[in-house]
Amino acid sequence: MADELTIDELARATGMTVRNIRAHQSRGLLPPPEVRARTGYYGPDHVERLRLITNMQAEGFNLAAIQRIIEANGGGAQIIDFGREVLGAFDEEPELTTADELARRFGGTLDVKAMEKAERLGIVRPLGEDRYEVTSPTLMRAGEELVNLGIPLSHALAVAERIQRNSRPIAEAFIRLFVQDVIGPGDPTRRTREEWERLREALERLRPLATEAVRAGFQQTMSAAVDEQVAKIVGGLDPSEGTGSQRPRRRRR
């Protein structure tokens, strides 16, 4: 792309109309061009500013809010970048697959009802022409292993549904901690670059911390649940009377 663009070339480069560009200029959202021989020339900074405006509109900001953010020492780009980092902080890279591949991984045939439930849970997303996006390959592999152990796919999906339902409050609790205690109150448009960098570092630390905390809590809960089931199988210990550290009592004859 050339360093200097006319307004028509700028419109083509950014996908905007000339009318919209002129409107952004009149609002003060876009700096004026360099005028030579009665022709205005725009540069890379103008292209970047228009793309920022487009991205912020896509995120739901109206023009008044965009103007306020941009006027705050270029904070608009910082807010958008940080918002994308937050949204992607816990995303897993999806995988593409086919109906035949899914059938192979889950015993040779796909249960229609099971597939419909997997779609409702967001585990797989149909793309058309028997192609699917696996949103969580880790969860998919766990389900595959359960099926290989002889567990019906419908039962594995029921567990996945429980995981999603019970994980939501935990996720919301961590988000409240981050928003209230790390981000804190105040106008985000007034934050400095150093403050945004601190928040990014905190987000990077939160990611493994949240995962490890949930894993540790699950291990404790799983250990207690296993102890209870072992006690029931042995038949000599009332689960309410102790933990796995106690030996099962012998049955009375």
Protein backbone atom coordinates (compact mmCIF):
# COMPACT_ATOMS: atom_id res chain seq x y z
CA MET A 1 0.00 0.00 0.00
CA ALA A 2 1.32 3.46 -0.86
CA ASP A 3 2.27 5.79 2.00
CA GLU A 4 0.13 8.56 0.52
CA LEU A 5 -3.49 7.96 -0.40
CA THR A 6 -6.22 10.14 -1.79
CA ILE A 7 -9.56 9.94 -0.03
CA ASP A 8 -10.88 7.56 -2.70
CA GLU A 9 -7.84 5.28 -2.24
CA LEU A 10 -8.23 5.49 1.54
CA ALA A 11 -11.85 4.42 1.22
CA ARG A 12 -10.88 1.37 -0.85
CA ALA A 13 -8.05 0.46 1.53
CA THR A 14 -10.27 0.53 4.61
CA GLY A 15 -13.58 -0.62 3.15
CA MET A 16 -15.28 2.63 4.14
CA THR A 17 -17.19 5.08 2.03
CA VAL A 18 -15.83 8.53 1.28
CA ARG A 19 -18.89 9.95 3.00
CA ASN A 20 -18.10 8.07 6.24
CA ILE A 21 -14.49 9.20 6.15
CA ARG A 22 -15.54 12.83 5.76
CA ALA A 23 -18.04 12.39 8.63
CA HIS A 24 -15.30 11.01 10.90
CA GLN A 25 -13.11 13.98 9.97
CA SER A 26 -15.87 16.46 10.80
CA ARG A 27 -16.34 14.83 14.23
CA GLY A 28 -12.63 15.03 14.95
CA LEU A 29 -12.22 11.26 14.92
CA LEU A 30 -9.80 11.40 12.00
CA PRO A 31 -6.93 13.89 11.70
CA PRO A 32 -7.04 16.12 8.62
CA PRO A 33 -5.01 15.08 5.58
CA GLU A 34 -1.95 16.85 4.27
CA VAL A 35 -3.20 19.13 1.50
CA ARG A 36 -1.04 19.74 -1.54
CA ALA A 37 -2.32 21.41 -4.71
CA ARG A 38 -5.87 21.24 -3.36
CA THR A 39 -5.65 17.45 -2.91
CA GLY A 40 -5.69 15.82 0.51
CA TYR A 41 -3.26 12.97 1.12
CA TYR A 42 -3.66 10.38 3.88
CA GLY A 43 -1.01 8.14 5.40
CA PRO A 44 -0.66 4.89 7.40
CA ASP A 45 -1.81 6.63 10.61
CA HIS A 46 -5.11 7.50 8.98
CA VAL A 47 -5.59 3.90 7.85
CA GLU A 48 -4.83 2.63 11.37
CA ARG A 49 -7.22 5.14 12.92
CA LEU A 50 -10.08 4.15 10.61
CA ARG A 51 -9.48 0.47 11.33
CA LEU A 52 -9.53 1.22 15.04
CA ILE A 53 -12.86 3.01 14.66
CA THR A 54 -14.27 0.06 12.70
CA ASN A 55 -13.07 -2.42 15.32
CA MET A 56 -14.52 -0.39 18.18
CA GLN A 57 -17.87 -0.12 16.41
CA ALA A 58 -17.82 -3.90 15.98
CA GLU A 59 -17.25 -4.19 19.74
CA GLY A 60 -20.41 -2.15 20.37
CA PHE A 61 -18.98 1.34 20.99
CA ASN A 62 -20.94 4.26 19.55
CA LEU A 63 -19.19 7.20 17.88
CA ALA A 64 -19.48 9.45 20.94
CA ALA A 65 -17.76 6.85 23.12
CA ILE A 66 -15.13 6.22 20.45
CA GLN A 67 -14.36 9.93 20.28
CA ARG A 68 -13.96 10.14 24.05
CA ILE A 69 -11.67 7.11 24.12
CA ILE A 70 -9.52 8.26 21.22
CA GLU A 71 -9.07 11.68 22.77
CA ALA A 72 -7.71 10.01 25.92
CA ASN A 73 -4.13 9.80 24.67
CA GLY A 74 -4.77 7.01 22.20
CA GLY A 75 -6.38 4.78 24.82
CA GLY A 76 -8.77 3.29 22.29
CA ALA A 77 -6.23 0.87 20.87
CA GLN A 78 -5.18 -0.16 24.38
CA ILE A 79 -8.78 -0.91 25.39
CA ILE A 80 -9.50 -2.92 22.25
CA ASP A 81 -6.26 -4.89 22.51
CA PHE A 82 -6.83 -5.67 26.16
CA GLY A 83 -10.44 -6.66 25.52
CA ARG A 84 -9.32 -9.13 22.87
CA GLU A 85 -6.69 -10.54 25.23
CA VAL A 86 -9.31 -11.07 27.94
CA LEU A 87 -11.69 -12.75 25.51
CA GLY A 88 -8.96 -15.02 24.19
CA ALA A 89 -7.14 -15.67 27.46
CA PHE A 90 -8.87 -18.99 28.09
CA ASP A 91 -9.78 -19.93 24.55
CA GLU A 92 -8.53 -23.26 23.23
CA GLU A 93 -7.42 -23.52 19.63
CA PRO A 94 -10.28 -25.31 17.83
CA GLU A 95 -9.79 -28.21 15.44
CA LEU A 96 -11.56 -29.03 12.20
CA THR A 97 -12.90 -32.52 11.60
CA THR A 98 -15.45 -34.43 9.55
CA ALA A 99 -18.45 -36.56 10.39
CA ASP A 100 -16.57 -39.67 9.27
CA GLU A 101 -13.64 -38.85 11.54
CA LEU A 102 -15.95 -38.27 14.50
CA ALA A 103 -17.65 -41.60 13.82
CA ARG A 104 -14.28 -43.35 13.73
CA ARG A 105 -13.21 -41.80 17.02
CA PHE A 106 -16.44 -42.75 18.77
CA GLY A 107 -16.96 -46.36 17.82
CA GLY A 108 -17.75 -46.35 14.11
CA THR A 109 -21.20 -44.77 14.16
CA LEU A 110 -22.53 -41.48 15.43
CA ASP A 111 -25.70 -41.35 17.46
CA VAL A 112 -27.88 -38.58 16.03
CA LYS A 113 -29.22 -37.55 19.44
CA ALA A 114 -25.70 -37.53 20.89
CA MET A 115 -24.49 -35.29 18.07
CA GLU A 116 -27.42 -32.92 18.59
CA LYS A 117 -26.57 -32.69 22.28
CA ALA A 118 -22.88 -32.12 21.53
CA GLU A 119 -23.92 -29.24 19.26
CA ARG A 120 -26.20 -27.78 21.95
CA LEU A 121 -23.35 -27.91 24.44
CA GLY A 122 -21.09 -26.15 21.95
CA ILE A 123 -18.58 -29.02 21.92
CA VAL A 124 -18.86 -29.30 18.15
CA ARG A 125 -20.08 -26.71 15.68
CA PRO A 126 -21.41 -27.79 12.26
CA LEU A 127 -19.80 -26.02 9.32
CA GLY A 128 -21.80 -27.67 6.55
CA GLU A 129 -20.91 -30.45 4.11
CA ASP A 130 -20.31 -32.90 7.01
CA ARG A 131 -17.53 -30.74 8.41
CA TYR A 132 -17.34 -29.73 12.08
CA GLU A 133 -15.32 -27.44 14.31
CA VAL A 134 -14.28 -29.00 17.63
CA THR A 135 -14.28 -26.04 20.03
CA SER A 136 -12.41 -27.89 22.80
CA PRO A 137 -10.11 -30.64 21.52
CA THR A 138 -9.14 -31.44 25.12
CA LEU A 139 -12.74 -32.10 26.11
CA MET A 140 -13.24 -34.10 22.91
CA ARG A 141 -10.23 -36.31 23.68
CA ALA A 142 -11.52 -36.89 27.21
CA GLY A 143 -14.87 -38.01 25.81
CA GLU A 144 -13.10 -40.29 23.35
CA GLU A 145 -11.14 -41.95 26.16
CA LEU A 146 -14.32 -42.46 28.19
CA VAL A 147 -15.98 -44.16 25.22
CA ASN A 148 -12.89 -46.36 24.78
CA LEU A 149 -13.33 -47.45 28.39
CA GLY A 150 -16.79 -48.71 27.50
CA ILE A 151 -18.79 -45.74 28.74
CA PRO A 152 -21.71 -44.80 26.47
CA LEU A 153 -21.30 -41.52 24.61
CA SER A 154 -24.57 -40.27 26.05
CA HIS A 155 -23.18 -40.74 29.57
CA ALA A 156 -19.96 -38.94 28.66
CA LEU A 157 -21.98 -36.02 27.29
CA ALA A 158 -24.01 -35.91 30.49
CA VAL A 159 -20.76 -35.49 32.41
CA ALA A 160 -19.66 -32.74 29.99
CA GLU A 161 -22.95 -30.97 30.61
CA ARG A 162 -22.40 -31.15 34.37
CA ILE A 163 -18.88 -29.80 33.94
CA GLN A 164 -20.13 -26.82 31.98
CA ARG A 165 -22.95 -26.10 34.39
CA ASN A 166 -20.81 -26.36 37.53
CA SER A 167 -17.80 -24.55 36.06
CA ARG A 168 -19.78 -21.41 35.31
CA PRO A 169 -19.99 -20.15 38.93
CA ILE A 170 -16.26 -20.78 39.40
CA ALA A 171 -15.42 -18.81 36.26
CA GLU A 172 -17.68 -15.95 37.33
CA ALA A 173 -16.00 -15.88 40.76
CA PHE A 174 -12.56 -15.53 39.19
CA ILE A 175 -13.84 -12.82 36.85
CA ARG A 176 -15.26 -10.87 39.80
CA LEU A 177 -11.89 -11.09 41.54
CA PHE A 178 -10.09 -9.81 38.46
CA VAL A 179 -12.54 -7.00 37.69
CA GLN A 180 -13.05 -5.80 41.26
CA ASP A 181 -9.63 -6.31 42.81
CA VAL A 182 -7.18 -6.16 39.89
CA ILE A 183 -8.77 -3.80 37.37
CA GLY A 184 -10.59 -1.82 40.04
CA PRO A 185 -12.79 1.23 39.60
CA GLY A 186 -12.07 4.20 37.40
CA ASP A 187 -12.40 5.37 33.83
CA PRO A 188 -10.51 2.94 31.56
CA THR A 189 -9.86 5.70 29.04
CA ARG A 190 -7.69 7.48 31.60
CA ARG A 191 -5.31 4.60 32.23
CA THR A 192 -1.70 4.91 31.18
CA ARG A 193 0.18 2.43 29.01
CA GLU A 194 2.01 1.26 32.14
CA GLU A 195 -1.30 0.45 33.82
CA TRP A 196 -2.53 -1.51 30.78
CA GLU A 197 0.74 -3.45 30.79
CA ARG A 198 0.26 -4.27 34.48
CA LEU A 199 -3.22 -5.58 33.74
CA ARG A 200 -1.88 -7.72 30.90
CA GLU A 201 0.71 -9.24 33.22
CA ALA A 202 -1.98 -9.90 35.83
CA LEU A 203 -4.13 -11.61 33.20
CA GLU A 204 -1.21 -13.82 32.18
CA ARG A 205 -0.74 -14.84 35.81
CA LEU A 206 -4.45 -15.46 36.31
CA ARG A 207 -4.68 -17.98 33.48
CA PRO A 208 -2.51 -20.76 35.01
CA LEU A 209 -3.51 -19.79 38.55
CA ALA A 210 -7.21 -20.29 37.85
CA THR A 211 -6.53 -23.61 36.11
CA GLU A 212 -4.36 -24.93 38.94
CA ALA A 213 -6.81 -23.79 41.62
CA VAL A 214 -9.73 -25.53 39.90
CA ARG A 215 -7.63 -28.67 39.40
CA ALA A 216 -6.56 -28.75 43.05
CA GLY A 217 -10.13 -28.24 44.26
CA PHE A 218 -11.37 -30.97 41.93
CA GLN A 219 -8.69 -33.39 43.13
CA GLN A 220 -9.76 -32.86 46.73
CA THR A 221 -13.41 -33.33 45.87
CA MET A 222 -12.66 -36.36 43.70
CA SER A 223 -10.58 -37.94 46.46
CA ALA A 224 -13.41 -37.55 48.97
CA ALA A 225 -15.96 -38.94 46.49
CA VAL A 226 -13.73 -41.96 45.74
CA ASP A 227 -13.33 -42.65 49.47
CA GLU A 228 -17.10 -42.63 49.87
CA GLN A 229 -17.61 -45.01 46.97
CA VAL A 230 -14.89 -47.37 48.20
CA ALA A 231 -16.53 -47.40 51.62
CA LYS A 232 -19.89 -48.28 50.05
CA ILE A 233 -18.33 -51.05 47.98
CA VAL A 234 -16.57 -52.54 50.98
CA GLY A 235 -19.81 -52.18 52.84
CA GLY A 236 -18.46 -51.74 56.31
CA LEU A 237 -18.11 -47.99 56.67
CA ASP A 238 -20.80 -45.37 56.76
CA PRO A 239 -19.41 -42.50 54.61
CA SER A 240 -20.76 -39.97 57.09
CA GLU A 241 -18.66 -41.47 59.90
CA GLY A 242 -15.19 -40.83 58.50
CA THR A 243 -12.81 -40.53 55.59
CA GLY A 244 -10.59 -42.86 53.64
CA SER A 245 -7.96 -42.65 56.38
CA GLN A 246 -10.07 -45.02 58.48
CA ARG A 247 -10.15 -48.71 57.86
CA PRO A 248 -13.51 -50.23 56.98
CA ARG A 249 -15.23 -51.96 59.87
CA ARG A 250 -15.87 -55.62 59.62
CA ARG A 251 -19.42 -56.71 59.16
CA ARG A 252 -21.15 -58.28 62.13
CA ARG A 253 -22.09 -61.86 61.71
